Amino acid sequence: MTKMRPVPFAEFRTILETLGYVKKRVPKGRVFEHPEAGLLLFRFYRDDEPVFPRDLTRTRTFFDLRGAIEANAFDAMLPPADTRRGNGFCDTREPNNAAKRPSGRRSKN
C-alpha cells in the first residue's frame, strides 16, 4: 500500500459507492452491501473522521482476494500523501535542527 494522507470516511464511502456498494443503516456501525460481493462492516465513523489504516488495508485485501478490484487500482483511488513541507502531514524539522532522542542510558555520576 502506498503512502497516503488520512482519508476522511466521507471520501471512503464515496469510493465504496463508486464500486457498487450501498450503505445500510445499523445502530452501532457502518455496513455496505454489494449484491454480488457481499457485506463490508466498519465501526461507526463520523464523515470527517479519518478511516483507520487497518480498515483501508482490510478493504483493499478483501477486494483483491475476491477479484473485485486489484490492490494497485484500489490504491490509485485513495488520495496520495502530500509531501510538501508544512502541510501538517510530514516532519517539517530541518535535519540539523531535529530533536535528539535520549539514548535511554543514564550517565553515572
Protein backbone atom coordinates (compact mmCIF):
# COMPACT_ATOMS: atom_id res chain seq x y z
CA MET A 1 0.00 0.00 0.00
CA THR A 2 1.39 3.36 -0.95
CA LYS A 3 1.80 6.25 1.46
CA MET A 4 -1.32 8.38 1.60
CA ARG A 5 -2.84 11.19 3.53
CA PRO A 6 -5.59 10.41 6.06
CA VAL A 7 -8.83 9.50 4.27
CA PRO A 8 -12.00 11.00 5.77
CA PHE A 9 -14.83 8.49 5.97
CA ALA A 10 -16.98 10.59 3.61
CA GLU A 11 -14.35 10.10 0.85
CA PHE A 12 -14.02 6.40 1.65
CA ARG A 13 -17.80 5.99 1.48
CA THR A 14 -17.78 7.64 -1.96
CA ILE A 15 -15.17 5.11 -3.14
CA LEU A 16 -17.31 2.22 -1.89
CA GLU A 17 -20.41 3.66 -3.55
CA THR A 18 -18.47 4.04 -6.81
CA LEU A 19 -17.74 0.30 -6.63
CA GLY A 20 -21.46 -0.50 -6.29
CA TYR A 21 -21.82 -0.75 -2.51
CA VAL A 22 -24.95 0.59 -0.85
CA LYS A 23 -24.90 1.92 2.72
CA LYS A 24 -27.27 0.16 5.12
CA ARG A 25 -28.42 1.70 8.38
CA VAL A 26 -27.35 -0.10 11.54
CA PRO A 27 -27.22 1.40 15.03
CA LYS A 28 -23.60 0.66 16.01
CA GLY A 29 -21.59 0.74 12.81
CA ARG A 30 -21.42 1.20 9.08
CA VAL A 31 -22.49 -1.60 6.73
CA PHE A 32 -22.09 -1.55 2.97
CA GLU A 33 -23.77 -4.20 0.86
CA HIS A 34 -23.00 -5.28 -2.67
CA PRO A 35 -25.38 -7.68 -4.46
CA GLU A 36 -22.53 -9.92 -5.68
CA ALA A 37 -19.57 -9.20 -3.39
CA GLY A 38 -21.32 -9.30 -0.01
CA LEU A 39 -21.06 -7.09 3.06
CA LEU A 40 -18.39 -4.79 4.42
CA LEU A 41 -18.65 -3.85 8.10
CA PHE A 42 -16.92 -0.91 9.77
CA ARG A 43 -17.12 0.66 13.19
CA PHE A 44 -19.10 3.90 13.30
CA TYR A 45 -17.09 6.75 11.77
CA ARG A 46 -18.13 10.38 11.57
CA ASP A 47 -17.92 11.73 8.00
CA ASP A 48 -14.91 13.92 8.83
CA GLU A 49 -13.09 11.22 10.82
CA PRO A 50 -10.10 9.52 9.15
CA VAL A 51 -10.52 5.82 8.39
CA PHE A 52 -8.09 3.65 10.33
CA PRO A 53 -5.26 2.32 8.13
CA ARG A 54 -6.19 -1.23 9.18
CA ASP A 55 -9.70 -0.75 7.74
CA LEU A 56 -8.24 0.52 4.46
CA THR A 57 -5.83 -2.43 4.32
CA ARG A 58 -8.55 -4.98 5.09
CA THR A 59 -10.84 -3.50 2.45
CA ARG A 60 -8.02 -3.49 -0.11
CA THR A 61 -7.23 -7.15 0.66
CA PHE A 62 -10.92 -8.12 0.55
CA PHE A 63 -11.33 -6.59 -2.90
CA ASP A 64 -8.08 -8.07 -4.19
CA LEU A 65 -8.78 -11.62 -2.96
CA ARG A 66 -12.31 -11.61 -4.35
CA GLY A 67 -11.12 -10.27 -7.69
CA ALA A 68 -13.37 -7.21 -7.41
CA ILE A 69 -10.54 -4.74 -7.90
CA GLU A 70 -6.77 -5.19 -7.90
CA ALA A 71 -4.78 -3.81 -4.99
CA ASN A 72 -2.97 -1.25 -7.18
CA ALA A 73 -6.27 0.01 -8.57
CA PHE A 74 -7.64 0.42 -5.04
CA ASP A 75 -4.50 2.34 -4.05
CA ALA A 76 -4.98 4.64 -7.04
CA MET A 77 -8.48 5.51 -5.79
CA LEU A 78 -7.12 6.75 -2.44
CA PRO A 79 -5.73 10.26 -2.09
CA PRO A 80 -1.92 10.37 -2.24
CA ALA A 81 0.19 11.80 0.55
CA ASP A 82 1.09 15.45 0.20
CA THR A 83 4.86 15.59 0.62
CA ARG A 84 5.20 19.36 0.57
CA ARG A 85 6.70 20.86 3.70
CA GLY A 86 4.49 22.50 6.28
CA ASN A 87 1.25 20.70 5.44
CA GLY A 88 0.86 19.03 8.82
CA PHE A 89 1.37 15.52 7.44
CA CYS A 90 5.16 15.42 7.25
CA ASP A 91 8.07 16.29 9.50
CA THR A 92 8.97 19.94 8.88
CA ARG A 93 12.08 19.95 11.02
CA GLU A 94 15.36 20.58 9.28
CA PRO A 95 17.79 17.66 9.59
CA ASN A 96 20.33 19.78 11.51
CA ASN A 97 17.69 21.04 13.93
CA ALA A 98 16.00 17.71 14.59
CA ALA A 99 15.47 16.98 18.24
CA LYS A 100 17.81 14.34 19.56
CA ARG A 101 16.20 11.36 21.21
CA PRO A 102 17.53 10.35 24.58
CA SER A 103 19.58 7.18 24.39
CA GLY A 104 17.78 5.63 27.33
CA ARG A 105 21.06 5.24 29.19
CA ARG A 106 21.69 7.06 32.40
CA SER A 107 25.02 8.64 32.99
CA LYS A 108 26.93 7.53 36.02
CA ASN A 109 27.92 10.35 38.33
